[in-house]
């Protein structure tokens, strides 16, 4: 059995025997009574709620079809084609080399999902949800990448017992590796593949960080797990005063060097090849960033990494974690269902709530832990912890 982290349920636990439990049990009995459904759809006051719930259940069932409509439009490059100008159905089918009657079904489905829309003169144009797909290559890259997850989920029950042997886990070279084995697995063409995907899909996360966090108090930053260096290079262009340190596996760091060289940032940067599983983190920076790093790894690795970050920071230094986070109990779930399954398919990490991450930060010695408000938490949430400036007390001899 593959060893995965298990959340003991402290964040989601509910006391049993409470008035709320009793009320919900009674509500369950009412809601599962067939006569209530008949009443709900016949009564004008309750009909809207019944229709809405039925639609939501249908959307859950149809979700896989919706994803395949999106994937088909992506692979046929419909969003980039229609970004230039609207086009007639027959002309578009010919351009995509799809039989017109079947192609029409795809167009109708895409219009229903608001990916496309009908225009005058029987032409097809971009719909409101197609516009961002035509604009941001990173979204298209993730849509195509998700095909690996779809393959793993063909037998969803079998997936739960064997998720880590599927296509998604094979995609990530470090998913089942540790220590020096990580470097060995990353030293092939896979490192370029996954680093490019991370960079392409990172634009929204980068903008969330740059717009939400004030970097003016810092003089030097260490970006751990830097990938292609997209985040730190964009930050460096915005914050000219910052000195840069980059830490990642040697073959990944070589790619980051190319990114910084293209933007004439090499003179401001120090490159530190290594694995945060085996090696200590470089010192000298008062800010350490983990951008979409922690959720890719199990608790044991994250605890070790946070402790190393604490050790590397000076008093008053800050650790910034930026990644998708699970919703707290009672909050609206954003991308929770997707990320729980995606990380399970990777076979390495898990989605954690801000409370869980805060506890891990506290265990590593960080204080003044807080969430930084940001505009689009579905892309990433920002959590900071500060190393105390107080000196330890020593007993006099």
Protein backbone atom coordinates (compact mmCIF):
# COMPACT_ATOMS: atom_id res chain seq x y z
CA UNK A 1 0.00 0.00 0.00
CA UNK A 2 1.43 3.37 -0.99
CA UNK A 3 1.93 5.61 2.03
CA UNK A 4 -0.03 8.83 1.86
CA UNK A 5 -0.59 11.54 4.43
CA UNK A 6 -3.80 11.14 6.36
CA UNK A 7 -5.64 14.15 7.74
CA UNK A 8 -6.93 13.02 11.10
CA UNK A 9 -10.00 15.17 10.58
CA UNK A 10 -9.37 17.72 13.30
CA UNK A 11 -10.30 20.58 10.99
CA UNK A 12 -13.46 18.90 9.74
CA UNK A 13 -14.65 17.20 12.88
CA UNK A 14 -18.12 17.93 14.17
CA UNK A 15 -19.35 17.11 17.61
CA UNK A 16 -21.89 14.28 17.64
CA UNK A 17 -25.17 14.45 19.45
CA UNK A 18 -25.50 18.20 19.08
CA UNK A 19 -28.72 19.99 18.21
CA UNK A 20 -27.26 20.62 14.74
CA UNK A 21 -26.73 16.88 14.19
CA UNK A 22 -30.26 16.09 15.32
CA UNK A 23 -31.70 18.75 13.03
CA UNK A 24 -29.66 17.54 10.05
CA UNK A 25 -30.72 13.92 10.66
CA UNK A 26 -34.35 15.00 10.64
CA UNK A 27 -33.72 17.08 7.52
CA UNK A 28 -32.16 14.04 5.80
CA UNK A 29 -35.31 12.02 6.47
CA UNK A 30 -37.48 14.78 5.06
CA UNK A 31 -35.37 15.40 1.99
CA UNK A 32 -35.17 11.70 1.05
CA UNK A 33 -38.93 11.25 1.29
CA UNK A 34 -40.33 10.91 -2.29
CA UNK A 35 -43.46 12.80 -1.34
CA UNK A 36 -41.39 15.89 -0.49
CA UNK A 37 -39.95 15.97 -4.01
CA UNK A 38 -43.42 15.78 -5.53
CA UNK A 39 -44.52 18.63 -3.27
CA UNK A 40 -41.42 20.70 -4.08
CA UNK A 41 -41.91 20.62 -7.84
CA UNK A 42 -45.64 21.29 -7.61
CA UNK A 43 -45.34 24.27 -5.26
CA UNK A 44 -44.34 27.58 -6.94
CA UNK A 45 -42.43 28.68 -3.84
CA UNK A 46 -40.22 25.59 -3.58
CA UNK A 47 -40.01 24.70 -7.28
CA UNK A 48 -36.99 26.97 -7.88
CA UNK A 49 -34.96 25.18 -5.17
CA UNK A 50 -35.87 21.75 -6.54
CA UNK A 51 -34.96 22.78 -10.08
CA UNK A 52 -31.66 24.27 -8.97
CA UNK A 53 -30.64 21.18 -7.01
CA UNK A 54 -31.61 18.91 -9.92
CA UNK A 55 -29.53 21.04 -12.28
CA UNK A 56 -26.52 20.86 -9.98
CA UNK A 57 -26.74 17.06 -9.81
CA UNK A 58 -27.02 16.89 -13.60
CA UNK A 59 -23.96 19.16 -13.91
CA UNK A 60 -22.00 16.76 -11.71
CA UNK A 61 -22.96 13.85 -13.94
CA UNK A 62 -22.22 15.80 -17.14
CA UNK A 63 -18.95 17.27 -15.89
CA UNK A 64 -16.74 14.78 -17.70
CA UNK A 65 -18.49 15.49 -21.01
CA UNK A 66 -18.01 19.21 -20.40
CA UNK A 67 -14.30 18.70 -19.84
CA UNK A 68 -14.01 16.76 -23.09
CA UNK A 69 -15.81 19.49 -25.01
CA UNK A 70 -13.25 21.93 -23.61
CA UNK A 71 -10.38 19.61 -24.48
CA UNK A 72 -11.71 19.13 -28.03
CA UNK A 73 -11.92 22.88 -28.58
CA UNK A 74 -8.39 23.25 -27.24
CA UNK A 75 -6.91 20.54 -29.46
CA UNK A 76 -8.68 21.89 -32.52
CA UNK A 77 -7.31 25.36 -31.67
CA UNK A 78 -10.79 26.85 -31.96
CA UNK A 79 -10.07 29.60 -29.44
CA UNK A 80 -6.99 30.87 -31.29
CA UNK A 81 -8.74 30.57 -34.68
CA UNK A 82 -11.82 32.48 -33.55
CA UNK A 83 -9.73 35.08 -31.75
CA UNK A 84 -8.80 36.40 -35.18
CA UNK A 85 -12.41 36.72 -36.34
CA UNK A 86 -15.75 34.86 -36.23
CA UNK A 87 -16.15 32.14 -38.84
CA UNK A 88 -18.97 30.20 -40.48
CA UNK A 89 -19.73 26.64 -39.37
CA UNK A 90 -18.81 24.96 -42.66
CA UNK A 91 -15.59 26.92 -43.06
CA UNK A 92 -14.60 26.14 -39.48
CA UNK A 93 -15.36 22.42 -39.87
CA UNK A 94 -13.25 22.31 -43.03
CA UNK A 95 -10.39 24.09 -41.29
CA UNK A 96 -10.52 21.59 -38.40
CA UNK A 97 -10.94 18.61 -40.77
CA UNK A 98 -14.02 17.32 -38.91
CA UNK A 99 -17.15 15.93 -40.54
CA UNK A 100 -19.68 18.83 -40.50
CA UNK A 101 -22.58 17.04 -38.77
CA UNK A 102 -20.37 15.83 -35.93
CA UNK A 103 -18.57 19.17 -35.75
CA UNK A 104 -21.92 20.90 -35.37
CA UNK A 105 -22.54 18.90 -32.17
CA UNK A 106 -19.26 20.13 -30.76
CA UNK A 107 -20.13 23.73 -31.60
CA UNK A 108 -23.61 23.42 -30.04
CA UNK A 109 -22.07 21.92 -26.88
CA UNK A 110 -19.41 24.64 -26.69
CA UNK A 111 -22.08 27.33 -27.11
CA UNK A 112 -24.13 25.75 -24.31
CA UNK A 113 -21.04 25.94 -22.07
CA UNK A 114 -20.47 29.60 -23.07
CA UNK A 115 -17.10 28.73 -24.60
CA UNK A 116 -18.37 29.89 -27.99
CA UNK A 117 -21.38 31.87 -29.12
CA UNK A 118 -23.39 32.44 -32.28
CA UNK A 119 -22.82 35.66 -34.16
CA UNK A 120 -24.63 37.31 -37.04
CA UNK A 121 -24.54 35.75 -40.46
CA UNK A 122 -24.51 32.20 -39.02
CA UNK A 123 -20.96 32.70 -37.77
CA UNK A 124 -19.31 31.35 -34.64
CA UNK A 125 -17.32 33.55 -32.25
CA UNK A 126 -15.71 33.38 -28.82
CA UNK A 127 -18.06 33.10 -25.87
CA UNK A 128 -17.48 34.79 -22.50
CA UNK A 129 -15.60 31.74 -21.16
CA UNK A 130 -13.70 31.30 -24.41
CA UNK A 131 -12.08 34.73 -24.23
CA UNK A 132 -9.67 33.91 -21.36
CA UNK A 133 -8.84 30.62 -23.06
CA UNK A 134 -7.90 32.52 -26.21
CA UNK A 135 -5.85 34.98 -24.17
CA UNK A 136 -3.88 32.88 -21.69
CA UNK A 137 -1.74 30.02 -22.99
CA UNK A 138 -1.24 28.75 -19.45
CA UNK A 139 -4.91 27.79 -19.18
CA UNK A 140 -4.74 25.86 -22.44
CA UNK A 141 -1.61 24.08 -21.25
CA UNK A 142 -3.38 22.93 -18.10
CA UNK A 143 -6.47 21.82 -20.07
CA UNK A 144 -4.28 19.63 -22.25
CA UNK A 145 -2.28 18.40 -19.25
CA UNK A 146 -5.46 17.35 -17.45
CA UNK A 147 -5.95 14.64 -20.06
CA UNK A 148 -3.50 12.60 -17.98
CA UNK A 149 -5.80 12.92 -14.98
CA UNK A 150 -8.82 11.94 -17.08
CA UNK A 151 -6.99 8.78 -18.14
CA UNK A 152 -6.21 7.89 -14.53
CA UNK A 153 -9.88 8.38 -13.59
CA UNK A 154 -11.36 6.03 -16.18
CA UNK A 155 -11.97 3.57 -13.35
CA UNK A 156 -12.50 5.96 -10.43
CA UNK A 157 -12.78 3.31 -7.71
CA UNK A 158 -9.66 1.48 -8.85
CA UNK A 159 -7.94 4.87 -8.98
CA UNK A 160 -8.38 5.30 -5.22
CA UNK A 161 -6.33 2.18 -4.55
CA UNK A 162 -3.74 2.71 -7.27
CA UNK A 163 -3.68 6.43 -8.05
CA UNK A 164 0.10 6.76 -7.78
CA UNK A 165 0.81 4.30 -10.62
CA UNK A 166 -1.06 6.27 -13.28
CA UNK A 167 -0.17 8.72 -16.03
CA UNK A 168 -0.12 11.76 -13.74
CA UNK A 169 2.39 10.31 -11.29
CA UNK A 170 4.67 9.30 -14.16
CA UNK A 171 4.58 12.87 -15.45
CA UNK A 172 6.20 14.34 -12.33
CA UNK A 173 9.78 13.03 -11.92
CA UNK A 174 9.87 13.65 -8.15
CA UNK A 175 6.47 12.16 -7.28
CA UNK A 176 7.90 8.91 -5.92
CA UNK A 177 11.54 9.83 -5.47
CA UNK A 178 13.49 11.01 -2.48
CA UNK A 179 16.93 12.37 -1.81
CA UNK A 180 19.50 11.86 -4.56
CA UNK A 181 16.98 9.84 -6.57
CA UNK A 182 15.05 13.06 -7.20
CA UNK A 183 18.04 14.56 -8.97
CA UNK A 184 18.57 11.38 -11.00
CA UNK A 185 14.96 11.25 -12.16
CA UNK A 186 14.92 14.93 -12.97
CA UNK A 187 18.06 14.74 -15.09
CA UNK A 188 16.22 13.87 -18.30
CA UNK A 189 13.83 15.54 -20.71
CA UNK A 190 10.98 15.29 -18.19
CA UNK A 191 12.42 18.19 -16.23
CA UNK A 192 11.98 20.51 -19.21
CA UNK A 193 8.45 19.24 -19.72
CA UNK A 194 7.14 19.75 -16.20
CA UNK A 195 9.08 22.99 -15.63
CA UNK A 196 7.60 24.45 -18.81
CA UNK A 197 4.09 23.47 -17.68
CA UNK A 198 4.64 25.02 -14.26
CA UNK A 199 5.90 28.23 -15.85
CA UNK A 200 3.04 28.42 -18.36
CA UNK A 201 0.40 27.93 -15.66
CA UNK A 202 2.06 30.23 -13.13
CA UNK A 203 1.06 33.63 -14.52
CA UNK A 204 -2.05 33.97 -12.38
CA UNK A 205 -0.20 32.90 -9.23
CA UNK A 206 2.59 35.38 -9.93
CA UNK A 207 0.13 38.24 -10.32
CA UNK A 208 -1.62 37.27 -7.08
CA UNK A 209 1.67 37.41 -5.17
CA UNK A 210 2.95 40.63 -6.74
CA UNK A 211 -0.32 42.47 -6.19
CA UNK A 212 -1.01 41.21 -2.65
CA UNK A 213 2.33 41.23 -0.82
CA UNK A 214 4.53 44.23 -0.03
CA UNK A 215 8.18 43.37 -0.76
CA UNK A 216 9.56 46.79 0.17
CA UNK A 217 10.73 45.68 3.64
CA UNK A 218 13.00 42.98 2.22
CA UNK A 219 16.47 43.29 0.76
CA UNK A 220 17.10 39.73 -0.47
CA UNK A 221 14.88 36.83 -1.50
CA UNK A 222 15.55 33.09 -1.69
CA UNK A 223 13.08 31.31 -3.99
CA UNK A 224 13.04 27.59 -3.14
CA UNK A 225 11.86 25.26 -5.91
CA UNK A 226 12.26 28.08 -8.41
CA UNK A 227 11.52 26.06 -11.55
CA UNK A 228 12.12 28.10 -14.70
CA UNK A 229 12.52 31.22 -12.57
CA UNK A 230 9.36 32.88 -13.83
CA UNK A 231 8.20 34.17 -10.45
CA UNK A 232 11.53 35.49 -9.22
CA UNK A 233 12.34 37.14 -12.55
CA UNK A 234 8.98 38.95 -12.65
CA UNK A 235 9.49 40.00 -9.03
CA UNK A 236 13.01 41.23 -9.78
CA UNK A 237 11.77 43.40 -12.64
CA UNK A 238 9.16 44.96 -10.33
CA UNK A 239 11.35 45.29 -7.22
CA UNK A 240 14.69 46.59 -8.44
CA UNK A 241 16.22 46.71 -4.95
CA UNK A 242 16.01 42.96 -4.26
CA UNK A 243 18.99 40.64 -4.38
CA UNK A 244 18.08 37.20 -5.72
CA UNK A 245 18.88 33.67 -4.64
CA UNK A 246 17.49 30.65 -6.51
CA UNK A 247 17.46 27.09 -5.17
CA UNK A 248 16.38 23.99 -7.10
CA UNK A 249 17.59 20.70 -8.52
CA UNK A 250 20.66 21.17 -10.76
CA UNK A 251 18.95 20.43 -14.11
CA UNK A 252 16.02 22.69 -13.20
CA UNK A 253 18.31 25.49 -12.07
CA UNK A 254 20.05 25.44 -15.45
CA UNK A 255 16.70 26.31 -17.03
CA UNK A 256 16.18 29.12 -14.51
CA UNK A 257 19.58 30.57 -15.42
CA UNK A 258 18.44 30.83 -19.03
CA UNK A 259 15.28 32.68 -17.99
CA UNK A 260 17.17 35.24 -15.91
CA UNK A 261 19.81 35.67 -18.62
CA UNK A 262 17.10 36.51 -21.16
CA UNK A 263 15.91 39.29 -18.85
CA UNK A 264 19.41 40.55 -17.99
CA UNK A 265 19.00 39.62 -14.33
CA UNK A 266 21.93 37.22 -13.92
CA UNK A 267 24.18 39.82 -12.27
CA UNK A 268 21.69 40.22 -9.41
CA UNK A 269 21.29 36.48 -8.80
CA UNK A 270 23.03 33.66 -6.98
CA UNK A 271 22.21 30.12 -8.08
CA UNK A 272 22.26 27.30 -5.52
CA UNK A 273 21.81 23.78 -6.93
CA UNK A 274 20.53 21.22 -4.45
CA UNK A 275 17.64 19.23 -3.03
CA UNK A 276 15.78 20.59 -0.03
CA UNK A 277 15.30 16.98 1.07
CA UNK A 278 19.06 16.43 1.49
CA UNK A 279 20.62 19.87 1.67
CA UNK A 280 20.41 22.88 3.94
CA UNK A 281 18.98 26.05 2.43
CA UNK A 282 21.31 28.95 1.63
CA UNK A 283 21.44 31.77 4.15
CA UNK A 284 21.65 35.50 3.53
CA UNK A 285 18.07 36.33 2.54
CA UNK A 286 15.44 37.89 4.78
CA UNK A 287 12.59 36.45 2.67
CA UNK A 288 12.12 32.84 1.55
CA UNK A 289 9.36 31.96 -0.89
CA UNK A 290 7.71 28.60 -1.55
CA UNK A 291 5.54 29.07 -4.63
CA UNK A 292 3.42 25.96 -5.31
CA UNK A 293 5.93 23.76 -3.51
CA UNK A 294 4.48 22.57 -0.19
CA UNK A 295 1.31 21.02 -1.60
CA UNK A 296 3.39 18.78 -3.88
CA UNK A 297 5.00 16.99 -0.91
CA UNK A 298 3.98 14.88 2.10
CA UNK A 299 3.89 16.26 5.63
CA UNK A 300 7.26 14.73 6.56
CA UNK A 301 9.02 16.59 3.74
CA UNK A 302 7.12 19.83 4.38
CA UNK A 303 8.00 19.79 8.11
CA UNK A 304 11.66 19.32 7.23
CA UNK A 305 11.53 22.07 4.61
CA UNK A 306 9.85 24.58 6.92
CA UNK A 307 12.42 23.87 9.62
CA UNK A 308 15.25 24.42 7.15
CA UNK A 309 13.65 27.68 6.04
CA UNK A 310 13.41 28.81 9.66
CA UNK A 311 17.06 27.93 10.23
CA UNK A 312 18.17 29.83 7.10
CA UNK A 313 16.31 33.05 7.91
CA UNK A 314 17.71 35.82 10.13
CA UNK A 315 15.68 37.07 13.11
CA UNK A 316 12.68 38.92 11.73
CA UNK A 317 12.90 37.09 8.40
CA UNK A 318 9.73 35.99 6.61
CA UNK A 319 8.66 32.77 4.91
CA UNK A 320 5.97 33.22 2.24
CA UNK A 321 3.94 30.21 1.07
CA UNK A 322 1.82 30.72 -2.06
CA UNK A 323 -0.28 27.85 -3.40
CA UNK A 324 -3.88 26.61 -3.66
CA UNK A 325 -5.18 25.79 -0.19
CA UNK A 326 -8.14 23.77 1.00
CA UNK A 327 -11.18 25.62 2.26
CA UNK A 328 -11.69 25.88 5.98
CA UNK A 329 -14.79 24.16 7.42
CA UNK A 330 -17.84 26.26 6.69
CA UNK A 331 -16.17 28.28 3.92
CA UNK A 332 -17.12 28.00 0.27
CA UNK A 333 -15.09 25.29 -1.43
CA UNK A 334 -13.17 26.67 -4.41
CA UNK A 335 -11.01 24.17 -6.25
CA UNK A 336 -10.92 21.64 -3.41
CA UNK A 337 -12.40 18.64 -5.23
CA UNK A 338 -10.10 19.09 -8.21
CA UNK A 339 -6.89 19.63 -6.24
CA UNK A 340 -7.57 16.77 -3.81
CA UNK A 341 -7.75 14.35 -6.73
CA UNK A 342 -4.94 15.95 -8.74
CA UNK A 343 -2.49 15.68 -5.86
CA UNK A 344 -3.64 12.13 -5.13
CA UNK A 345 -2.90 11.27 -8.76
CA UNK A 346 0.57 12.76 -8.36
CA UNK A 347 1.04 10.43 -5.40
CA UNK A 348 3.11 12.86 -3.37
CA UNK A 349 1.40 15.82 -1.73
CA UNK A 350 -2.00 16.93 -0.51
CA UNK A 351 -4.15 20.03 -0.28
CA UNK A 352 -3.91 21.64 3.15
CA UNK A 353 -6.03 24.29 4.82
CA UNK A 354 -4.40 27.54 5.98
CA UNK A 355 -4.93 26.27 9.53
CA UNK A 356 -2.98 23.09 8.81
CA UNK A 357 -0.14 25.02 7.20
CA UNK A 358 -0.14 27.51 10.07
CA UNK A 359 0.29 24.65 12.54
CA UNK A 360 3.22 23.29 10.53
CA UNK A 361 4.77 26.76 10.48
CA UNK A 362 4.34 27.12 14.23
CA UNK A 363 5.94 23.73 14.81
CA UNK A 364 8.96 24.92 12.80
CA UNK A 365 9.29 27.95 15.09
CA UNK A 366 7.57 30.67 13.08
CA UNK A 367 5.47 33.31 14.79
CA UNK A 368 3.12 36.09 13.61
CA UNK A 369 1.55 33.70 11.11
CA UNK A 370 -1.16 35.23 8.95
CA UNK A 371 -3.01 34.96 5.67
CA UNK A 372 -2.37 37.77 3.22
CA UNK A 373 -5.66 38.78 1.54
CA UNK A 374 -5.62 38.42 -2.23
CA UNK A 375 -8.13 38.90 -5.02
CA UNK A 376 -8.37 35.39 -6.54
CA UNK A 377 -7.76 32.70 -3.89
CA UNK A 378 -8.72 29.94 -6.35
CA UNK A 379 -5.34 30.55 -8.05
CA UNK A 380 -3.40 30.64 -4.80
CA UNK A 381 -3.58 31.85 -1.23
CA UNK A 382 -0.70 33.55 0.56
CA UNK A 383 0.44 32.59 4.05
CA UNK A 384 3.37 34.18 5.86
CA UNK A 385 5.27 33.29 9.00
CA UNK A 386 7.92 35.43 10.66
CA UNK A 387 10.98 34.27 12.57
CA UNK A 388 10.94 35.92 15.96
CA UNK A 389 13.36 38.76 16.58
CA UNK A 390 13.66 37.92 20.26
CA UNK A 391 16.94 36.41 21.38
CA UNK A 392 16.74 33.11 23.32
CA UNK A 393 17.06 33.30 27.08
CA UNK A 394 20.04 31.56 28.65
CA UNK A 395 20.39 30.59 32.25
CA UNK A 396 23.25 32.29 34.05
CA UNK A 397 25.96 29.96 35.28
